[in-house]
Amino acid sequence: MCRLAAYVGPPRTLHSLWLAPEHSLEVQSYAPREMKTAVLNADGFGMSWYSDAEDGPARYRTILPLWADENVRSMSKHLVTRCAVANVRSATVGMPVQLSNVSPFVEGRWTFTHNGFLRAFHPRFARKIRESLDDARYGSIVGNTDSEHLFAHLMTRLAGHDSDPTGIVADWIGEVAAMATEKALLNVIVTDGRWLVAVRHAVHGEAPSLYERARDGAVEVVSEPLDGDGWAEVASGSVLTVTPDGASSCRPL
């Protein structure tokens, strides 16, 4: 289990988004309020962000807990973005604490992060996913997490796509859910820096928490509210879309 955050809107520093709020991602890394299957998110931190200068995202990852990484606190005050994604990681049992396993995952202009787990991922679920990949996509998997495998599986559908990805992501979640014979928690965030899609879903279990806030021309999606103002819970079994002009909508999967 992890805690996720994403932002689309007017330029903001990463520090103001995720470190400055009262219930920041740093606080959520050691004192989360709504996690069901873990206590801490101390197995790494990652963030990706987009700039006008490049088509794809920049990314920073570490295996340190967020509270122990001095680099994040200093550099995040200087990083300004219109779109960004972050994750504080709580490693699933059996998934090593190593950099290749830290989310978010990126390919081309796409960023992906996942909060949840696929029970009995190794070997059955992993085999199903790997057998669906071509050689290049199979070879792109560096770590051994369910999250990275899910990203590779999704990218077989998103590669080359240049418009609203909501339908593709929703159909893909349905495919993954159909493969799950045991508990699967499937909160994901996907963005290309223009469109952003977030899903809250679970099979044979209760979906992790997910919230949205739309105000001042910006949309934020988080596992737990960063402060006490204006958050709405995303219903389980839903997909949330944020368009390039900042409009958000939510519908059942």
Protein backbone atom coordinates (compact mmCIF):
# COMPACT_ATOMS: atom_id res chain seq x y z
CA MET A 1 0.00 0.00 0.00
CA CYS A 2 1.10 3.58 -0.67
CA ARG A 3 -0.16 7.13 -0.63
CA LEU A 4 -0.61 8.91 -3.96
CA ALA A 5 -0.97 12.52 -5.08
CA ALA A 6 -1.43 14.25 -8.42
CA TYR A 7 -1.91 17.85 -9.55
CA VAL A 8 -3.07 19.57 -12.74
CA GLY A 9 -3.46 23.34 -12.85
CA PRO A 10 -1.70 26.71 -12.74
CA PRO A 11 2.05 26.62 -12.01
CA ARG A 12 2.90 25.55 -8.46
CA THR A 13 6.08 24.47 -6.72
CA LEU A 14 6.27 20.83 -5.74
CA HIS A 15 7.02 21.97 -2.20
CA SER A 16 3.75 23.90 -1.96
CA LEU A 17 1.83 20.90 -3.28
CA TRP A 18 3.17 18.05 -1.17
CA LEU A 19 5.47 19.25 1.63
CA ALA A 20 3.90 22.45 2.89
CA PRO A 21 0.30 21.30 3.67
CA GLU A 22 -0.68 20.30 7.20
CA HIS A 23 -1.20 16.63 6.24
CA SER A 24 1.54 16.58 3.63
CA LEU A 25 2.92 13.53 1.89
CA GLU A 26 5.80 13.71 4.35
CA VAL A 27 3.35 13.41 7.24
CA GLN A 28 1.46 10.67 5.40
CA SER A 29 4.69 8.72 5.09
CA TYR A 30 4.88 8.26 8.88
CA ALA A 31 1.32 9.05 10.09
CA PRO A 32 -1.26 8.08 7.45
CA ARG A 33 -4.88 8.25 8.57
CA GLU A 34 -6.71 5.93 6.18
CA MET A 35 -4.42 3.01 5.38
CA LYS A 36 -5.93 -0.43 6.01
CA THR A 37 -3.07 -2.88 5.50
CA ALA A 38 0.09 -1.05 6.64
CA VAL A 39 1.30 1.49 9.19
CA LEU A 40 4.09 3.43 7.44
CA ASN A 41 5.03 4.53 3.93
CA ALA A 42 8.78 4.36 4.55
CA ASP A 43 10.02 2.28 1.61
CA GLY A 44 10.79 5.07 -0.82
CA PHE A 45 9.40 8.17 -2.45
CA GLY A 46 9.00 9.21 -6.07
CA MET A 47 7.63 12.12 -8.06
CA SER A 48 7.37 13.09 -11.70
CA TRP A 49 6.60 16.50 -13.10
CA TYR A 50 6.12 18.16 -16.47
CA SER A 51 7.55 21.38 -17.86
CA ASP A 52 6.85 23.42 -20.97
CA ALA A 53 10.39 22.74 -22.18
CA GLU A 54 10.04 18.96 -22.58
CA ASP A 55 7.33 16.64 -23.88
CA GLY A 56 7.94 13.93 -21.29
CA PRO A 57 8.22 14.14 -17.50
CA ALA A 58 11.20 14.57 -15.25
CA ARG A 59 11.38 12.07 -12.40
CA TYR A 60 13.02 11.80 -9.00
CA ARG A 61 13.00 8.60 -6.92
CA THR A 62 14.70 7.43 -3.75
CA ILE A 63 14.51 4.39 -1.48
CA LEU A 64 14.72 6.70 1.54
CA PRO A 65 11.60 7.61 3.49
CA LEU A 66 10.43 11.04 2.42
CA TRP A 67 11.15 12.50 5.86
CA ALA A 68 14.80 11.39 5.59
CA ASP A 69 15.57 12.83 2.14
CA GLU A 70 17.01 16.34 2.49
CA ASN A 71 17.27 16.70 -1.29
CA VAL A 72 13.50 16.68 -1.78
CA ARG A 73 12.86 19.47 0.70
CA SER A 74 15.50 21.76 -0.83
CA MET A 75 14.95 21.17 -4.53
CA SER A 76 11.13 21.00 -4.44
CA LYS A 77 10.97 24.72 -3.64
CA HIS A 78 12.58 25.44 -7.03
CA LEU A 79 10.60 23.00 -9.18
CA VAL A 80 7.50 24.58 -10.73
CA THR A 81 4.97 22.59 -12.72
CA ARG A 82 1.46 22.47 -14.16
CA CYS A 83 1.18 18.69 -13.80
CA ALA A 84 2.83 16.29 -11.36
CA VAL A 85 2.42 12.90 -9.68
CA ALA A 86 3.91 11.59 -6.41
CA ASN A 87 3.98 8.40 -4.36
CA VAL A 88 5.17 7.50 -0.87
CA ARG A 89 5.74 3.74 -0.86
CA SER A 90 4.84 1.00 1.56
CA ALA A 91 6.33 -2.13 0.02
CA THR A 92 4.10 -5.16 -0.31
CA VAL A 93 5.49 -8.20 1.50
CA GLY A 94 7.94 -9.93 -0.81
CA MET A 95 8.63 -6.81 -2.91
CA PRO A 96 12.21 -5.61 -2.20
CA VAL A 97 13.07 -2.06 -1.25
CA GLN A 98 15.09 -1.08 -4.31
CA LEU A 99 15.02 1.93 -6.63
CA SER A 100 13.57 0.02 -9.60
CA ASN A 101 10.50 -0.77 -7.48
CA VAL A 102 9.74 2.85 -6.55
CA SER A 103 6.85 4.55 -8.31
CA PRO A 104 6.01 6.54 -10.40
CA PHE A 105 6.94 4.68 -13.57
CA VAL A 106 7.44 6.60 -16.79
CA GLU A 107 7.64 5.85 -20.50
CA GLY A 108 7.73 8.53 -23.18
CA ARG A 109 5.33 11.22 -22.04
CA TRP A 110 3.35 8.88 -19.74
CA THR A 111 3.50 8.68 -15.94
CA PHE A 112 1.86 5.91 -13.90
CA THR A 113 1.48 5.20 -10.21
CA HIS A 114 -0.44 2.51 -8.31
CA ASN A 115 -1.72 2.19 -4.76
CA GLY A 116 -2.69 -1.34 -3.83
CA PHE A 117 -1.55 -4.87 -4.51
CA LEU A 118 -2.38 -8.03 -6.42
CA ARG A 119 -2.54 -10.94 -3.99
CA ALA A 120 -0.62 -14.01 -5.19
CA PHE A 121 1.06 -11.81 -7.79
CA HIS A 122 4.04 -14.17 -8.06
CA PRO A 123 3.87 -16.42 -9.90
CA ARG A 124 0.34 -16.68 -11.32
CA PHE A 125 -0.65 -13.07 -11.99
CA ALA A 126 2.85 -12.06 -13.09
CA ARG A 127 2.92 -14.92 -15.59
CA LYS A 128 -0.43 -13.86 -17.09
CA ILE A 129 0.77 -10.29 -17.55
CA ARG A 130 4.19 -11.19 -18.92
CA GLU A 131 2.70 -13.62 -21.44
CA SER A 132 0.60 -10.78 -22.85
CA LEU A 133 3.64 -8.55 -23.56
CA ASP A 134 5.77 -8.38 -26.67
CA ASP A 135 9.53 -8.85 -26.35
CA ALA A 136 10.34 -5.14 -26.10
CA ARG A 137 7.74 -4.47 -23.42
CA TYR A 138 8.75 -7.61 -21.52
CA GLY A 139 12.34 -6.43 -21.55
CA SER A 140 11.40 -3.00 -20.26
CA ILE A 141 10.47 -4.39 -16.82
CA VAL A 142 13.40 -3.70 -14.49
CA GLY A 143 11.95 -4.40 -11.03
CA ASN A 144 9.61 -7.06 -9.74
CA THR A 145 6.58 -5.17 -8.43
CA ASP A 146 2.99 -5.73 -9.43
CA SER A 147 2.84 -1.97 -10.10
CA GLU A 148 5.54 -1.99 -12.78
CA HIS A 149 4.00 -5.04 -14.44
CA LEU A 150 0.64 -3.27 -14.51
CA PHE A 151 2.27 -0.25 -16.13
CA ALA A 152 3.87 -2.38 -18.85
CA HIS A 153 0.53 -4.05 -19.47
CA LEU A 154 -1.24 -0.69 -19.75
CA MET A 155 1.42 0.77 -22.04
CA THR A 156 0.71 -1.89 -24.67
CA ARG A 157 -2.60 -0.05 -25.06
CA LEU A 158 -1.51 3.57 -24.51
CA ALA A 159 1.66 3.68 -26.63
CA GLY A 160 1.05 6.12 -29.49
CA HIS A 161 -2.29 7.28 -28.09
CA ASP A 162 -2.71 11.06 -28.29
CA SER A 163 -6.19 11.90 -27.00
CA ASP A 164 -8.47 11.18 -24.04
CA PRO A 165 -7.14 7.95 -22.46
CA THR A 166 -10.12 7.39 -20.14
CA GLY A 167 -11.75 4.64 -22.18
CA ILE A 168 -8.48 2.76 -22.60
CA VAL A 169 -7.66 2.95 -18.89
CA ALA A 170 -11.18 1.88 -17.88
CA ASP A 171 -11.16 -1.08 -20.30
CA TRP A 172 -7.70 -2.06 -19.06
CA ILE A 173 -8.83 -2.02 -15.43
CA GLY A 174 -11.62 -4.36 -16.50
CA GLU A 175 -9.10 -6.73 -18.08
CA VAL A 176 -6.94 -6.76 -14.96
CA ALA A 177 -9.96 -7.28 -12.72
CA ALA A 178 -11.07 -10.22 -14.85
CA MET A 179 -7.66 -11.86 -14.36
CA ALA A 180 -7.81 -11.48 -10.57
CA THR A 181 -8.90 -14.63 -8.78
CA GLU A 182 -7.87 -13.19 -5.41
CA LYS A 183 -7.82 -9.76 -3.79
CA ALA A 184 -6.69 -6.95 -6.11
CA LEU A 185 -6.55 -3.30 -5.03
CA LEU A 186 -6.35 -1.10 -8.11
CA ASN A 187 -6.09 2.61 -7.37
CA VAL A 188 -4.06 4.11 -10.22
CA ILE A 189 -3.18 7.52 -11.64
CA VAL A 190 -2.12 7.93 -15.28
CA THR A 191 -1.16 11.14 -17.06
CA ASP A 192 0.60 12.36 -20.19
CA GLY A 193 0.99 15.87 -18.77
CA ARG A 194 -2.24 17.00 -20.43
CA TRP A 195 -4.91 14.42 -19.63
CA LEU A 196 -5.02 12.83 -16.21
CA VAL A 197 -7.03 9.73 -15.31
CA ALA A 198 -7.43 8.31 -11.80
CA VAL A 199 -9.18 5.07 -10.85
CA ARG A 200 -10.45 3.83 -7.51
CA HIS A 201 -11.28 0.13 -7.72
CA ALA A 202 -10.89 -3.23 -6.01
CA VAL A 203 -11.71 -6.87 -6.66
CA HIS A 204 -12.53 -9.18 -3.73
CA GLY A 205 -11.79 -6.37 -1.29
CA GLU A 206 -12.24 -2.72 -0.30
CA ALA A 207 -10.60 -0.10 -2.51
CA PRO A 208 -8.03 2.21 -0.89
CA SER A 209 -9.15 5.76 -0.16
CA LEU A 210 -9.08 8.42 -2.89
CA TYR A 211 -10.12 12.09 -2.89
CA GLU A 212 -10.45 14.93 -5.37
CA ARG A 213 -10.45 18.70 -5.03
CA ALA A 214 -11.20 21.14 -7.85
CA ARG A 215 -10.67 24.84 -7.13
CA ASP A 216 -8.91 27.93 -8.50
CA GLY A 217 -8.49 26.31 -11.91
CA ALA A 218 -6.66 23.29 -10.47
CA VAL A 219 -7.54 19.66 -9.77
CA GLU A 220 -5.82 17.57 -7.11
CA VAL A 221 -6.20 13.83 -6.58
CA VAL A 222 -4.87 12.31 -3.36
CA SER A 223 -5.10 9.19 -1.22
CA GLU A 224 -5.72 11.36 1.84
CA PRO A 225 -6.71 15.04 2.05
CA LEU A 226 -3.70 17.29 2.44
CA ASP A 227 -5.67 19.74 4.57
CA GLY A 228 -9.24 20.22 5.78
CA ASP A 229 -10.66 22.23 2.91
CA GLY A 230 -12.87 21.19 -0.02
CA TRP A 231 -12.07 17.53 -0.65
CA ALA A 232 -14.62 15.08 -2.07
CA GLU A 233 -14.26 11.32 -1.83
CA VAL A 234 -14.04 9.49 -5.15
CA ALA A 235 -16.51 6.60 -5.13
CA SER A 236 -15.15 3.08 -5.32
CA GLY A 237 -15.53 1.62 -8.80
CA SER A 238 -15.07 5.01 -10.46
CA VAL A 239 -12.81 6.63 -13.01
CA LEU A 240 -11.97 10.34 -12.75
CA THR A 241 -10.84 12.34 -15.78
CA VAL A 242 -9.13 15.73 -15.83
CA THR A 243 -9.05 17.33 -19.29
CA PRO A 244 -6.24 19.54 -20.65
CA ASP A 245 -8.34 22.63 -19.88
CA GLY A 246 -8.71 21.61 -16.23
CA ALA A 247 -12.29 20.29 -16.22
CA SER A 248 -12.88 17.17 -14.14
CA SER A 249 -15.58 14.53 -14.30
CA CYS A 250 -16.16 11.19 -12.59
CA ARG A 251 -18.15 8.17 -13.77
CA PRO A 252 -18.59 4.52 -12.84
CA LEU A 253 -16.21 2.08 -14.48
